[in-house]
Amino acid sequence: MSQTKREQVISHIRYLREELRAMHIGINEDGLFPEPGELKGMMAQLEALLELIERNTKIQSNSEAA
C-alpha cells in the first residue's frame, strides 16, 4: 500500500474510532442510542474501508505471485 493510501486509511480508521467512542459514551452515560441513519453511515464507511483494504491485498498477492 502506498504511503498516502496508508495515511488515508489510518486517518479514516482514527475518525471511525472517535465516532464509535462517542456513540459508546452516549449509550453508557446518557442511555441514548444513535440514530439508525448514523449507524448506517458508519457501516457504509467501514464497508468502503474494508473493500479498499481487500482490493489492495488482492493486488499485492497477484503481483507477488507473478
N, C-alpha and C. Protein backbone atom coordinates (compact mmCIF):
# COMPACT_ATOMS: atom_id res chain seq x y z
N MET A 1 0.86 -1.17 0.00
CA MET A 1 0.00 0.00 0.00
C MET A 1 0.90 1.23 0.00
N SER A 2 0.60 2.15 -0.89
CA SER A 2 1.43 3.35 -0.95
C SER A 2 1.29 4.15 0.34
N GLN A 3 2.27 4.99 0.58
CA GLN A 3 2.30 5.75 1.84
C GLN A 3 1.06 6.65 1.98
N THR A 4 0.66 7.33 0.90
CA THR A 4 -0.50 8.21 1.01
C THR A 4 -1.77 7.41 1.24
N LYS A 5 -1.91 6.27 0.59
CA LYS A 5 -3.08 5.42 0.83
C LYS A 5 -3.09 4.94 2.27
N ARG A 6 -1.93 4.54 2.76
CA ARG A 6 -1.82 4.07 4.14
C ARG A 6 -2.22 5.19 5.10
N GLU A 7 -1.75 6.40 4.85
CA GLU A 7 -2.10 7.54 5.70
C GLU A 7 -3.59 7.83 5.64
N GLN A 8 -4.19 7.68 4.46
CA GLN A 8 -5.63 7.89 4.33
C GLN A 8 -6.40 6.85 5.13
N VAL A 9 -5.97 5.60 5.05
CA VAL A 9 -6.64 4.53 5.79
C VAL A 9 -6.50 4.76 7.29
N ILE A 10 -5.31 5.11 7.73
CA ILE A 10 -5.08 5.36 9.15
C ILE A 10 -5.95 6.51 9.63
N SER A 11 -6.01 7.57 8.86
CA SER A 11 -6.82 8.73 9.22
C SER A 11 -8.29 8.35 9.29
N HIS A 12 -8.75 7.57 8.34
CA HIS A 12 -10.15 7.15 8.32
C HIS A 12 -10.48 6.25 9.51
N ILE A 13 -9.58 5.35 9.84
CA ILE A 13 -9.79 4.47 11.00
C ILE A 13 -9.84 5.28 12.28
N ARG A 14 -8.97 6.27 12.41
CA ARG A 14 -8.99 7.13 13.60
C ARG A 14 -10.32 7.87 13.72
N TYR A 15 -10.82 8.38 12.59
CA TYR A 15 -12.09 9.09 12.60
C TYR A 15 -13.22 8.15 13.03
N LEU A 16 -13.25 6.95 12.45
CA LEU A 16 -14.29 5.99 12.80
C LEU A 16 -14.21 5.59 14.26
N ARG A 17 -13.00 5.43 14.76
CA ARG A 17 -12.82 5.07 16.17
C ARG A 17 -13.35 6.17 17.08
N GLU A 18 -13.09 7.44 16.73
CA GLU A 18 -13.60 8.55 17.52
C GLU A 18 -15.13 8.58 17.51
N GLU A 19 -15.71 8.36 16.34
CA GLU A 19 -17.17 8.34 16.23
C GLU A 19 -17.77 7.21 17.04
N LEU A 20 -17.18 6.03 16.97
CA LEU A 20 -17.68 4.90 17.74
C LEU A 20 -17.51 5.12 19.24
N ARG A 21 -16.40 5.74 19.62
CA ARG A 21 -16.18 6.04 21.03
C ARG A 21 -17.25 7.02 21.54
N ALA A 22 -17.58 8.02 20.74
CA ALA A 22 -18.62 8.99 21.13
C ALA A 22 -19.98 8.30 21.27
N MET A 23 -20.28 7.38 20.35
CA MET A 23 -21.53 6.63 20.45
C MET A 23 -21.55 5.79 21.72
N HIS A 24 -20.45 5.14 22.02
CA HIS A 24 -20.35 4.30 23.20
C HIS A 24 -20.56 5.12 24.48
N ILE A 25 -19.93 6.26 24.54
CA ILE A 25 -20.09 7.14 25.71
C ILE A 25 -21.54 7.59 25.84
N GLY A 26 -22.14 7.94 24.72
CA GLY A 26 -23.54 8.36 24.74
C GLY A 26 -24.46 7.27 25.26
N ILE A 27 -24.19 6.06 24.86
CA ILE A 27 -25.01 4.93 25.32
C ILE A 27 -24.79 4.69 26.81
N ASN A 28 -23.53 4.68 27.24
CA ASN A 28 -23.23 4.37 28.65
C ASN A 28 -23.68 5.47 29.59
N GLU A 29 -23.41 6.72 29.26
CA GLU A 29 -23.70 7.81 30.19
C GLU A 29 -25.14 8.28 30.13
N ASP A 30 -25.67 8.41 28.93
CA ASP A 30 -26.99 9.01 28.78
C ASP A 30 -28.08 7.99 28.47
N GLY A 31 -27.68 6.80 28.10
CA GLY A 31 -28.67 5.81 27.70
C GLY A 31 -29.30 6.12 26.36
N LEU A 32 -28.66 7.01 25.59
CA LEU A 32 -29.19 7.41 24.29
C LEU A 32 -28.53 6.57 23.19
N PHE A 33 -29.34 5.97 22.39
CA PHE A 33 -28.83 5.19 21.27
C PHE A 33 -28.71 6.09 20.05
N PRO A 34 -27.71 5.83 19.20
CA PRO A 34 -27.54 6.64 17.99
C PRO A 34 -28.70 6.44 17.03
N GLU A 35 -28.90 7.41 16.17
CA GLU A 35 -29.95 7.33 15.16
C GLU A 35 -29.61 6.20 14.17
N PRO A 36 -30.61 5.53 13.63
CA PRO A 36 -30.35 4.46 12.66
C PRO A 36 -29.54 4.95 11.45
N GLY A 37 -29.78 6.16 10.99
CA GLY A 37 -29.04 6.70 9.87
C GLY A 37 -27.56 6.88 10.19
N GLU A 38 -27.30 7.25 11.43
CA GLU A 38 -25.92 7.42 11.87
C GLU A 38 -25.19 6.07 11.86
N LEU A 39 -25.86 5.04 12.33
CA LEU A 39 -25.27 3.70 12.32
C LEU A 39 -25.07 3.19 10.90
N LYS A 40 -26.05 3.44 10.03
CA LYS A 40 -25.92 3.01 8.64
C LYS A 40 -24.75 3.72 7.97
N GLY A 41 -24.55 4.98 8.28
CA GLY A 41 -23.42 5.72 7.73
C GLY A 41 -22.09 5.15 8.18
N MET A 42 -22.00 4.80 9.45
CA MET A 42 -20.77 4.20 9.98
C MET A 42 -20.51 2.86 9.30
N MET A 43 -21.56 2.05 9.15
CA MET A 43 -21.40 0.76 8.50
C MET A 43 -20.95 0.92 7.05
N ALA A 44 -21.50 1.90 6.34
CA ALA A 44 -21.10 2.14 4.96
C ALA A 44 -19.63 2.54 4.88
N GLN A 45 -19.19 3.37 5.81
CA GLN A 45 -17.79 3.78 5.83
C GLN A 45 -16.87 2.61 6.13
N LEU A 46 -17.28 1.75 7.04
CA LEU A 46 -16.48 0.57 7.36
C LEU A 46 -16.43 -0.38 6.17
N GLU A 47 -17.55 -0.55 5.47
CA GLU A 47 -17.57 -1.42 4.28
C GLU A 47 -16.65 -0.88 3.20
N ALA A 48 -16.68 0.44 2.97
CA ALA A 48 -15.82 1.04 1.96
C ALA A 48 -14.35 0.86 2.31
N LEU A 49 -14.03 1.02 3.58
CA LEU A 49 -12.65 0.85 4.03
C LEU A 49 -12.21 -0.61 3.86
N LEU A 50 -13.08 -1.53 4.20
CA LEU A 50 -12.78 -2.95 4.04
C LEU A 50 -12.55 -3.30 2.57
N GLU A 51 -13.39 -2.78 1.68
CA GLU A 51 -13.22 -3.04 0.25
C GLU A 51 -11.89 -2.50 -0.24
N LEU A 52 -11.51 -1.32 0.21
CA LEU A 52 -10.24 -0.73 -0.19
C LEU A 52 -9.08 -1.61 0.25
N ILE A 53 -9.14 -2.09 1.47
CA ILE A 53 -8.06 -2.92 2.01
C ILE A 53 -8.02 -4.26 1.29
N GLU A 54 -9.20 -4.89 1.09
CA GLU A 54 -9.23 -6.18 0.42
C GLU A 54 -8.76 -6.08 -1.02
N ARG A 55 -9.17 -5.03 -1.72
CA ARG A 55 -8.76 -4.84 -3.10
C ARG A 55 -7.24 -4.68 -3.18
N ASN A 56 -6.68 -3.92 -2.25
CA ASN A 56 -5.25 -3.71 -2.23
C ASN A 56 -4.50 -5.00 -1.90
N THR A 57 -5.05 -5.80 -1.00
CA THR A 57 -4.42 -7.07 -0.64
C THR A 57 -4.41 -8.01 -1.83
N LYS A 58 -5.50 -8.05 -2.60
CA LYS A 58 -5.56 -8.90 -3.78
C LYS A 58 -4.54 -8.46 -4.81
N ILE A 59 -4.40 -7.16 -5.01
CA ILE A 59 -3.44 -6.63 -5.98
C ILE A 59 -2.03 -7.02 -5.56
N GLN A 60 -1.71 -6.88 -4.27
CA GLN A 60 -0.38 -7.25 -3.79
C GLN A 60 -0.14 -8.75 -3.95
N SER A 61 -1.14 -9.57 -3.68
CA SER A 61 -0.99 -11.02 -3.82
C SER A 61 -0.73 -11.39 -5.27
N ASN A 62 -1.45 -10.76 -6.19
CA ASN A 62 -1.25 -11.05 -7.60
C ASN A 62 0.13 -10.62 -8.07
N SER A 63 0.61 -9.49 -7.62
CA SER A 63 1.93 -9.02 -8.05
C SER A 63 3.04 -9.87 -7.44
N GLU A 64 2.83 -10.40 -6.25
CA GLU A 64 3.83 -11.27 -5.63
C GLU A 64 3.88 -12.63 -6.33
N ALA A 65 2.74 -13.08 -6.83
CA ALA A 65 2.66 -14.38 -7.50
C ALA A 65 3.35 -14.32 -8.86
N ALA A 66 3.40 -13.15 -9.46
CA ALA A 66 3.98 -13.02 -10.82
C ALA A 66 5.47 -13.09 -10.83
